[in-house]
N, C-alpha and C. Protein backbone atom coordinates (compact mmCIF):
# COMPACT_ATOMS: atom_id res chain seq x y z
N UNK A 1 -39.33 -11.50 44.57
CA UNK A 1 -39.46 -11.00 43.33
C UNK A 1 -39.34 -12.14 42.30
N UNK A 2 -38.51 -13.25 42.58
CA UNK A 2 -38.39 -14.44 41.72
C UNK A 2 -39.78 -15.32 41.75
N UNK A 3 -40.33 -15.24 42.99
CA UNK A 3 -41.70 -16.04 43.02
C UNK A 3 -42.71 -15.39 41.94
N UNK A 4 -42.70 -14.08 41.90
CA UNK A 4 -43.72 -13.35 40.87
C UNK A 4 -43.28 -13.83 39.37
N UNK A 5 -42.08 -13.82 39.24
CA UNK A 5 -41.52 -14.20 37.80
C UNK A 5 -41.90 -15.55 37.59
N UNK A 6 -41.64 -16.39 38.39
CA UNK A 6 -42.21 -18.02 38.18
C UNK A 6 -43.55 -17.98 38.05
N UNK A 7 -44.45 -17.31 38.97
CA UNK A 7 -45.72 -17.34 38.77
C UNK A 7 -46.51 -16.88 37.47
N UNK A 8 -45.69 -16.03 36.84
CA UNK A 8 -46.26 -15.46 35.53
C UNK A 8 -45.89 -16.38 34.44
N UNK A 9 -44.71 -17.08 34.64
CA UNK A 9 -44.48 -17.86 33.53
C UNK A 9 -45.23 -19.29 33.64
N UNK A 10 -45.73 -19.81 34.57
CA UNK A 10 -46.23 -21.08 34.70
C UNK A 10 -47.57 -21.22 33.81
N UNK A 11 -48.65 -20.40 33.80
CA UNK A 11 -49.58 -20.41 32.77
C UNK A 11 -49.30 -20.55 31.33
N UNK A 12 -48.20 -19.87 30.96
CA UNK A 12 -47.78 -19.99 29.68
C UNK A 12 -47.04 -21.25 29.15
N UNK A 13 -46.44 -21.82 30.16
CA UNK A 13 -45.77 -23.19 29.91
C UNK A 13 -46.83 -24.21 29.83
N UNK A 14 -47.90 -24.14 30.46
CA UNK A 14 -48.83 -25.27 30.52
C UNK A 14 -49.55 -25.57 29.13
N UNK A 15 -49.64 -24.47 28.21
CA UNK A 15 -50.33 -24.50 27.12
C UNK A 15 -49.31 -24.61 25.85
N UNK A 16 -48.09 -25.04 26.08
CA UNK A 16 -47.06 -25.10 25.01
C UNK A 16 -47.37 -26.04 23.84
N UNK A 17 -48.23 -27.10 24.08
CA UNK A 17 -48.44 -28.28 23.07
C UNK A 17 -49.58 -27.88 22.26
N UNK A 18 -50.12 -26.73 22.29
CA UNK A 18 -51.30 -26.30 21.64
C UNK A 18 -50.97 -26.49 20.16
N UNK A 19 -49.85 -25.92 19.80
CA UNK A 19 -49.51 -25.85 18.27
C UNK A 19 -49.24 -27.27 17.75
N UNK A 20 -48.71 -28.16 18.53
CA UNK A 20 -48.57 -29.60 18.12
C UNK A 20 -49.92 -30.14 18.09
N UNK A 21 -50.91 -29.99 19.02
CA UNK A 21 -52.25 -30.49 18.92
C UNK A 21 -52.93 -30.07 17.65
N UNK A 22 -52.89 -28.73 17.32
CA UNK A 22 -53.40 -28.26 16.00
C UNK A 22 -52.98 -28.86 14.76
N UNK A 23 -51.63 -29.00 14.83
CA UNK A 23 -51.06 -29.85 13.60
C UNK A 23 -51.55 -31.16 13.37
N UNK A 24 -51.56 -31.83 14.62
CA UNK A 24 -52.16 -33.26 14.52
C UNK A 24 -53.53 -33.36 14.10
N UNK A 25 -54.22 -32.24 14.46
CA UNK A 25 -55.86 -32.11 14.24
C UNK A 25 -55.98 -31.88 12.58
N UNK A 26 -55.09 -30.98 12.05
CA UNK A 26 -55.05 -30.62 10.67
C UNK A 26 -54.70 -31.72 9.92
N UNK A 27 -53.73 -32.51 10.41
CA UNK A 27 -53.11 -33.62 9.52
C UNK A 27 -54.39 -34.87 9.53
N UNK A 28 -55.01 -34.93 10.62
CA UNK A 28 -55.98 -35.76 10.57
C UNK A 28 -57.18 -35.57 9.89
N UNK A 29 -57.32 -34.20 9.71
CA UNK A 29 -58.61 -33.76 8.74
C UNK A 29 -57.96 -33.80 7.24
N UNK A 30 -56.82 -33.53 6.99
CA UNK A 30 -56.49 -33.55 5.63
C UNK A 30 -56.30 -34.88 5.18
N UNK A 31 -56.40 -35.91 5.93
CA UNK A 31 -56.12 -37.36 5.58
C UNK A 31 -57.39 -37.85 4.71
N UNK A 32 -58.41 -37.45 5.02
CA UNK A 32 -59.69 -37.94 4.10
C UNK A 32 -59.94 -37.02 3.00
N UNK A 33 -59.42 -35.82 3.02
CA UNK A 33 -59.80 -35.07 1.65
C UNK A 33 -58.70 -35.14 0.77
N UNK A 34 -57.57 -35.05 0.96
CA UNK A 34 -56.60 -35.26 -0.10
C UNK A 34 -56.57 -34.12 -1.00
N UNK A 35 -55.43 -33.39 -1.13
CA UNK A 35 -55.52 -32.14 -1.75
C UNK A 35 -55.27 -32.41 -3.41
N UNK A 36 -54.80 -33.47 -3.74
CA UNK A 36 -54.51 -33.82 -5.08
C UNK A 36 -55.67 -34.72 -5.66
N UNK A 37 -55.77 -34.65 -7.01
CA UNK A 37 -56.68 -35.36 -7.66
C UNK A 37 -56.12 -36.79 -7.70
N UNK A 38 -57.12 -37.60 -8.15
CA UNK A 38 -56.81 -39.11 -7.92
C UNK A 38 -57.03 -39.63 -9.39
N UNK A 39 -56.78 -38.79 -10.40
CA UNK A 39 -57.12 -39.31 -11.90
C UNK A 39 -55.78 -39.51 -12.52
N UNK A 40 -54.67 -39.55 -11.97
CA UNK A 40 -53.45 -39.76 -12.59
C UNK A 40 -53.11 -38.94 -13.75
N UNK A 41 -53.53 -37.77 -13.78
CA UNK A 41 -53.12 -36.96 -14.82
C UNK A 41 -52.08 -35.92 -14.37
N UNK A 42 -51.18 -35.56 -15.21
CA UNK A 42 -50.21 -34.55 -15.09
C UNK A 42 -50.80 -33.17 -15.29
N UNK A 43 -50.23 -32.01 -14.76
CA UNK A 43 -50.75 -30.73 -14.74
C UNK A 43 -51.14 -30.38 -16.01
N UNK A 44 -50.20 -30.74 -17.21
CA UNK A 44 -50.57 -30.39 -18.77
C UNK A 44 -51.57 -31.20 -19.24
N UNK A 45 -51.70 -32.35 -18.95
CA UNK A 45 -52.79 -33.24 -19.35
C UNK A 45 -54.12 -32.72 -18.61
N UNK A 46 -54.10 -32.31 -17.47
CA UNK A 46 -55.35 -31.72 -16.83
C UNK A 46 -55.65 -30.47 -17.61
N UNK A 47 -54.85 -29.71 -17.95
CA UNK A 47 -55.24 -28.27 -18.49
C UNK A 47 -55.77 -28.56 -19.94
N UNK A 48 -55.00 -29.49 -20.62
CA UNK A 48 -55.60 -29.94 -22.03
C UNK A 48 -56.98 -30.41 -21.91
N UNK A 49 -57.23 -31.35 -20.94
CA UNK A 49 -58.56 -32.17 -20.91
C UNK A 49 -59.58 -30.86 -20.43
N UNK A 50 -59.30 -30.07 -19.55
CA UNK A 50 -60.28 -29.05 -19.21
C UNK A 50 -60.47 -27.94 -20.30
N UNK A 51 -59.42 -27.85 -21.30
CA UNK A 51 -59.67 -26.83 -22.41
C UNK A 51 -60.55 -27.59 -23.37
N UNK A 52 -60.42 -28.95 -23.53
CA UNK A 52 -61.42 -29.59 -24.55
C UNK A 52 -62.79 -29.56 -23.81
N UNK A 53 -63.01 -29.82 -22.60
CA UNK A 53 -64.20 -29.66 -22.03
C UNK A 53 -65.09 -28.38 -22.12
N UNK A 54 -64.30 -27.57 -21.92
CA UNK A 54 -64.77 -26.02 -22.09
C UNK A 54 -65.20 -25.72 -23.55
N UNK A 55 -64.31 -26.26 -24.52
CA UNK A 55 -64.74 -25.90 -25.95
C UNK A 55 -66.07 -26.75 -26.21
N UNK A 56 -66.11 -28.06 -25.71
CA UNK A 56 -67.29 -28.65 -26.10
C UNK A 56 -68.50 -28.22 -25.27
N UNK A 57 -68.34 -27.60 -24.27
CA UNK A 57 -69.69 -26.84 -23.64
C UNK A 57 -69.99 -25.62 -24.36
N UNK A 58 -69.01 -24.82 -24.77
CA UNK A 58 -69.26 -23.57 -25.49
C UNK A 58 -69.93 -24.15 -26.88
N UNK A 59 -69.43 -25.11 -27.61
CA UNK A 59 -70.04 -25.52 -28.81
C UNK A 59 -71.48 -25.89 -28.56
N UNK A 60 -71.72 -26.66 -27.59
CA UNK A 60 -73.14 -27.23 -27.28
C UNK A 60 -73.98 -26.03 -26.97
N UNK A 61 -73.49 -24.87 -26.22
CA UNK A 61 -74.28 -23.76 -25.87
C UNK A 61 -74.61 -23.07 -27.16
N UNK A 62 -73.56 -22.77 -27.97
CA UNK A 62 -73.74 -22.10 -29.33
C UNK A 62 -74.77 -22.84 -30.10
N UNK A 63 -74.75 -24.15 -30.15
CA UNK A 63 -75.67 -24.82 -31.01
C UNK A 63 -77.20 -24.75 -30.33
N UNK A 64 -77.09 -24.79 -29.18
CA UNK A 64 -78.53 -24.63 -28.48
C UNK A 64 -79.09 -23.22 -28.84
N UNK A 65 -78.19 -22.14 -28.74
CA UNK A 65 -78.57 -20.90 -29.06
C UNK A 65 -79.22 -20.64 -30.31
N UNK A 66 -78.30 -21.32 -31.56
CA UNK A 66 -78.60 -21.13 -32.78
C UNK A 66 -79.89 -22.01 -33.04
N UNK A 67 -80.18 -23.15 -32.39
CA UNK A 67 -81.47 -23.79 -32.64
C UNK A 67 -82.51 -22.90 -32.06
N UNK A 68 -82.37 -22.40 -31.05
CA UNK A 68 -83.34 -21.52 -30.32
C UNK A 68 -83.77 -20.47 -31.24
N UNK A 69 -82.74 -19.63 -31.78
CA UNK A 69 -83.09 -18.54 -32.68
C UNK A 69 -83.60 -19.02 -33.97
N UNK A 70 -83.34 -20.25 -34.46
CA UNK A 70 -83.94 -20.67 -35.81
C UNK A 70 -85.11 -21.26 -35.52
N UNK A 71 -85.52 -21.98 -34.30
CA UNK A 71 -86.83 -22.60 -33.99
C UNK A 71 -87.75 -21.60 -33.29
N UNK A 72 -87.42 -20.31 -33.17
CA UNK A 72 -88.49 -19.65 -32.44
C UNK A 72 -88.56 -19.47 -31.06
N UNK A 73 -87.42 -19.84 -30.37
CA UNK A 73 -87.19 -19.55 -28.94
C UNK A 73 -87.33 -21.04 -28.11
N UNK A 74 -87.37 -22.11 -28.77
CA UNK A 74 -87.52 -23.42 -28.14
C UNK A 74 -86.09 -23.78 -27.81
N UNK A 75 -85.65 -23.44 -26.60
CA UNK A 75 -84.28 -24.03 -26.24
C UNK A 75 -84.19 -23.72 -24.64
N UNK A 76 -83.35 -22.83 -24.33
CA UNK A 76 -83.00 -22.55 -22.94
C UNK A 76 -84.27 -21.97 -22.29
N UNK A 77 -84.93 -21.10 -22.87
CA UNK A 77 -86.21 -20.34 -22.63
C UNK A 77 -87.32 -21.42 -22.23
N UNK A 78 -87.31 -22.61 -22.64
CA UNK A 78 -88.37 -23.71 -22.36
C UNK A 78 -88.21 -23.99 -20.86
N UNK A 79 -86.99 -24.00 -20.25
CA UNK A 79 -87.00 -24.44 -18.84
C UNK A 79 -87.73 -23.34 -18.01
N UNK A 80 -87.64 -22.13 -18.37
CA UNK A 80 -88.27 -21.03 -17.55
C UNK A 80 -89.82 -21.02 -17.43
N UNK A 81 -90.74 -21.77 -18.24
CA UNK A 81 -91.92 -21.66 -18.27
C UNK A 81 -92.30 -22.64 -17.17
């Protein structure tokens, strides 16, 4: 009976380092990508910068829409032709 017990445990013990291999592979993969930005901004600075960029985009889009309405449709519709 003890032979059966040992026989069943052997296959599970041989694959014990799979988790370690997966961690090493993930660490190697993450080295190249880097989860953080490299622009040296704090979170608050990044949020403020993004807010300004969105406002500028919205202003440019509104100006283009106003010009298109005043000019008879020459604006974003010109790209579709």
